[in-house]
N, C-alpha and C. Protein backbone atom coordinates (compact mmCIF):
# COMPACT_ATOMS: atom_id res chain seq x y z
N MET A 1 7.84 0.94 -11.48
CA MET A 1 8.69 1.09 -10.36
C MET A 1 8.10 1.10 -8.82
N LEU A 2 8.72 0.65 -7.95
CA LEU A 2 7.76 0.37 -6.76
C LEU A 2 8.11 2.05 -6.19
N TYR A 3 8.79 3.23 -6.86
CA TYR A 3 8.40 4.26 -6.15
C TYR A 3 7.76 5.75 -7.35
N ASN A 4 6.45 5.20 -8.41
CA ASN A 4 5.31 5.76 -8.38
C ASN A 4 4.24 4.86 -8.20
N LEU A 5 4.64 4.00 -6.68
CA LEU A 5 3.47 2.99 -6.38
C LEU A 5 3.35 3.92 -4.70
N SER A 6 4.33 5.31 -4.51
CA SER A 6 4.16 5.76 -3.25
C SER A 6 3.13 5.94 -2.47
N ASP A 7 1.81 6.18 -2.51
CA ASP A 7 0.69 6.47 -1.83
C ASP A 7 0.15 5.83 -1.71
N TYR A 8 0.84 4.07 -3.12
CA TYR A 8 -0.48 3.13 -2.69
C TYR A 8 0.23 1.95 -1.81
N LEU A 9 1.63 2.03 -1.76
CA LEU A 9 2.51 1.08 -0.89
C LEU A 9 2.25 1.70 1.07
N PHE A 10 2.69 3.06 0.70
CA PHE A 10 1.90 3.97 1.83
C PHE A 10 0.47 3.28 2.65
N ALA A 11 -0.20 3.77 2.29
CA ALA A 11 -1.60 3.08 2.29
C ALA A 11 -1.63 1.21 2.58
N ARG A 12 -1.62 1.03 1.96
CA ARG A 12 -0.80 -0.49 2.18
C ARG A 12 -0.63 -0.61 3.44
N THR A 13 0.62 -0.14 3.90
CA THR A 13 0.98 -1.03 5.01
C THR A 13 1.49 0.43 5.59
N THR A 14 0.26 0.80 6.00
CA THR A 14 -0.19 1.92 7.09
C THR A 14 0.95 2.80 7.72
N GLY A 15 1.92 2.20 6.17
CA GLY A 15 3.54 2.96 7.20
C GLY A 15 4.14 2.29 7.90
N TYR A 16 3.88 1.14 8.21
CA TYR A 16 4.76 0.03 8.74
C TYR A 16 5.81 -1.27 8.15
N ILE A 17 7.18 -0.33 8.24
CA ILE A 17 7.93 -0.96 7.20
C ILE A 17 8.04 -2.56 7.51
N GLY A 18 7.10 -2.83 8.82
CA GLY A 18 7.49 -5.13 8.70
C GLY A 18 6.44 -4.74 7.53
N SER A 19 4.84 -4.37 7.31
CA SER A 19 4.05 -4.54 6.82
C SER A 19 4.77 -4.29 5.39
N LEU A 20 5.90 -3.13 4.84
CA LEU A 20 5.93 -3.03 4.07
C LEU A 20 6.91 -4.09 3.39
N MET A 21 7.71 -4.40 4.13
CA MET A 21 8.94 -5.14 3.68
C MET A 21 8.49 -6.86 3.36
N ASP A 22 7.21 -7.32 4.01
CA ASP A 22 6.74 -8.74 3.66
C ASP A 22 5.54 -8.27 2.22
N LEU A 23 5.04 -7.03 2.18
CA LEU A 23 4.23 -7.13 0.62
C LEU A 23 5.16 -7.18 0.20
N VAL A 24 6.46 -6.44 -0.13
CA VAL A 24 7.25 -6.24 -0.88
C VAL A 24 7.81 -7.62 -1.12
N SER A 25 8.55 -7.86 -0.29
CA SER A 25 9.11 -9.65 -0.31
C SER A 25 8.19 -11.08 -1.07
N ARG A 26 7.38 -10.43 -0.68
CA ARG A 26 5.97 -11.63 -1.21
C ARG A 26 6.21 -11.57 -2.64
N ALA A 27 5.03 -10.42 -2.62
CA ALA A 27 4.77 -9.78 -4.28
C ALA A 27 7.48 -9.78 -5.30
N ALA A 28 7.79 -10.32 -5.28
CA ALA A 28 8.90 -10.02 -5.70
C ALA A 28 8.83 -11.53 -5.58
N ALA A 29 8.83 -12.94 -4.30
CA ALA A 29 8.75 -14.08 -4.61
C ALA A 29 7.65 -14.31 -5.91
N ARG A 30 6.58 -13.85 -6.00
CA ARG A 30 5.27 -14.46 -7.00
C ARG A 30 5.87 -14.23 -8.05
N ALA A 31 6.06 -12.63 -8.40
CA ALA A 31 6.55 -12.33 -9.99
C ALA A 31 7.47 -12.85 -10.54
N ILE A 32 8.82 -13.74 -8.80
CA ILE A 32 10.52 -14.63 -9.61
C ILE A 32 9.18 -15.60 -10.31
N ARG A 33 8.03 -16.51 -9.38
CA ARG A 33 7.85 -17.91 -9.34
C ARG A 33 6.89 -18.09 -10.98
N THR A 34 6.25 -16.81 -11.16
CA THR A 34 5.48 -17.01 -11.89
C THR A 34 5.83 -16.90 -13.36
N GLY A 35 7.30 -16.21 -13.00
CA GLY A 35 8.44 -15.52 -13.82
C GLY A 35 7.74 -14.39 -14.56
N SER A 36 6.51 -13.49 -14.00
CA SER A 36 6.75 -12.03 -14.82
C SER A 36 7.70 -11.09 -14.15
N GLU A 37 7.97 -11.57 -13.88
CA GLU A 37 9.56 -10.78 -12.92
C GLU A 37 9.37 -9.32 -12.95
N ARG A 38 8.48 -9.01 -12.75
CA ARG A 38 7.76 -7.48 -12.37
C ARG A 38 6.31 -7.23 -11.53
N ILE A 39 6.89 -6.03 -10.41
CA ILE A 39 5.80 -6.34 -9.86
C ILE A 39 5.95 -4.98 -9.80
N ASP A 40 4.54 -4.89 -10.10
CA ASP A 40 3.17 -3.53 -9.85
C ASP A 40 1.79 -3.58 -9.52
N GLN A 41 1.45 -2.79 -9.00
CA GLN A 41 0.11 -3.02 -8.87
C GLN A 41 -1.01 -3.73 -8.44
N ALA A 42 -1.03 -3.64 -9.78
CA ALA A 42 -2.68 -5.60 -10.14
C ALA A 42 -1.23 -6.21 -9.08
N LEU A 43 -0.20 -6.98 -9.03
CA LEU A 43 0.17 -7.89 -8.42
C LEU A 43 0.02 -7.50 -7.23
N LEU A 44 0.48 -6.86 -6.57
CA LEU A 44 0.30 -5.78 -5.07
C LEU A 44 -1.00 -6.34 -4.40
N ASP A 45 -1.31 -5.86 -5.05
CA ASP A 45 -3.86 -6.19 -4.97
C ASP A 45 -3.79 -8.26 -4.22
N ARG A 46 -3.03 -8.87 -5.29
CA ARG A 46 -3.22 -9.71 -4.94
C ARG A 46 -2.49 -9.71 -3.82
N ILE A 47 -1.85 -9.29 -3.38
CA ILE A 47 -0.82 -10.61 -1.79
C ILE A 47 -0.79 -9.92 -0.23
N PRO A 48 -1.16 -10.91 0.44
CA PRO A 48 -2.50 -10.59 1.21
C PRO A 48 -1.06 -10.53 2.35
N ILE A 49 -1.49 -9.72 3.70
CA ILE A 49 -0.06 -8.98 4.45
C ILE A 49 -1.19 -9.37 5.47
N ASP A 50 -0.69 -8.51 6.33
CA ASP A 50 -1.12 -8.40 7.59
C ASP A 50 -2.67 -8.01 8.07
N ALA A 51 -2.95 -8.32 9.16
CA ALA A 51 -4.73 -8.03 8.93
C ALA A 51 -4.54 -6.56 9.35
N ALA A 52 -3.64 -6.20 10.21
CA ALA A 52 -3.95 -5.03 10.46
C ALA A 52 -3.80 -4.11 10.19
N ALA A 53 -3.36 -4.02 8.71
CA ALA A 53 -2.56 -3.06 7.71
C ALA A 53 -3.84 -3.74 6.88
N GLU A 54 -4.52 -4.83 6.23
CA GLU A 54 -5.41 -4.74 5.48
C GLU A 54 -6.70 -4.07 6.23
N ALA A 55 -7.12 -3.63 7.21
CA ALA A 55 -8.31 -2.98 7.46
C ALA A 55 -8.33 -2.04 7.19
N ALA A 56 -7.38 -1.23 7.51
CA ALA A 56 -6.80 0.47 7.57
C ALA A 56 -6.92 0.19 6.08
N PHE A 57 -6.32 0.07 5.19
CA PHE A 57 -5.80 0.44 4.61
C PHE A 57 -6.84 1.08 3.67
N LYS A 58 -8.36 0.47 3.50
CA LYS A 58 -9.83 1.78 2.40
C LYS A 58 -9.53 2.85 3.60
N ASP A 59 -9.55 3.21 4.74
CA ASP A 59 -9.61 4.90 5.55
C ASP A 59 -8.39 5.00 4.92
N THR A 60 -7.17 4.76 5.26
CA THR A 60 -5.38 5.00 5.01
C THR A 60 -5.49 6.51 3.28
N ARG A 61 -6.08 5.06 2.45
CA ARG A 61 -6.05 5.49 0.81
C ARG A 61 -6.98 6.56 0.89
N ALA A 62 -8.03 6.48 1.73
CA ALA A 62 -9.18 7.65 1.53
C ALA A 62 -8.85 9.09 1.52
N THR A 63 -7.79 9.11 2.58
CA THR A 63 -7.37 9.94 3.52
C THR A 63 -6.20 10.87 3.31
N ILE A 64 -5.27 9.57 2.28
CA ILE A 64 -4.64 9.94 0.77
C ILE A 64 -4.59 11.01 -0.34
N ALA A 65 -6.59 10.58 -0.23
CA ALA A 65 -6.69 10.92 -1.87
C ALA A 65 -6.91 12.34 -1.44
N TYR A 66 -8.25 12.32 0.31
CA TYR A 66 -8.19 13.67 0.57
C TYR A 66 -7.26 14.61 0.64
N TYR A 67 -6.30 14.61 1.40
CA TYR A 67 -5.01 14.79 1.19
C TYR A 67 -4.41 15.66 -0.05
N ARG A 68 -4.33 15.01 -0.82
CA ARG A 68 -4.18 15.68 -2.15
C ARG A 68 -5.05 16.22 -3.33
N LYS A 69 -5.95 16.11 -2.88
CA LYS A 69 -6.78 17.60 -3.58
C LYS A 69 -6.74 17.60 -2.36
N THR A 70 -6.82 17.88 -1.38
CA THR A 70 -7.76 19.44 -0.01
C THR A 70 -6.25 20.23 0.50
N GLY A 71 -5.91 19.56 -0.16
CA GLY A 71 -4.02 19.76 1.27
C GLY A 71 -4.28 20.14 2.74
N ARG A 72 -5.82 19.08 2.62
CA ARG A 72 -5.70 18.79 4.64
C ARG A 72 -6.14 18.17 4.36
N LEU A 73 -5.90 17.62 5.85
CA LEU A 73 -6.37 16.22 6.63
C LEU A 73 -8.06 16.60 6.48
N PRO A 74 -8.78 15.59 6.40
CA PRO A 74 -9.92 14.98 6.85
C PRO A 74 -11.03 15.66 8.14
N PRO A 75 -11.50 16.81 7.88
CA PRO A 75 -12.29 17.29 9.13
C PRO A 75 -11.95 16.52 10.12
N GLU A 76 -12.53 15.24 10.31
CA GLU A 76 -12.38 13.79 11.69
C GLU A 76 -10.89 13.26 12.19
N LEU A 77 -10.41 14.01 11.20
CA LEU A 77 -8.51 13.84 11.49
C LEU A 77 -7.77 15.20 12.14
N ARG A 78 -8.75 15.85 12.58
CA ARG A 78 -8.23 17.43 12.80
C ARG A 78 -8.28 17.51 13.98
N ALA A 79 -7.27 18.16 15.19
CA ALA A 79 -6.95 17.56 16.58
C ALA A 79 -7.30 19.46 16.83
């Protein structure tokens, strides 16, 4: 289910609803076309989305992982 992938989806789309809708729509279409009828992270990893979201993915994912581990933002993001 997609709710199990909330951190991944946020990191992948950098929180932009347009990027999220594009990703989920493309994944659903591919899942139907291939007959798997299942959206999982492996499928989502193969779906390209907008360049800005793709470029920010690794940094956003690292920030989320740091926050989950420490409960704080990374030092470079603290004001």
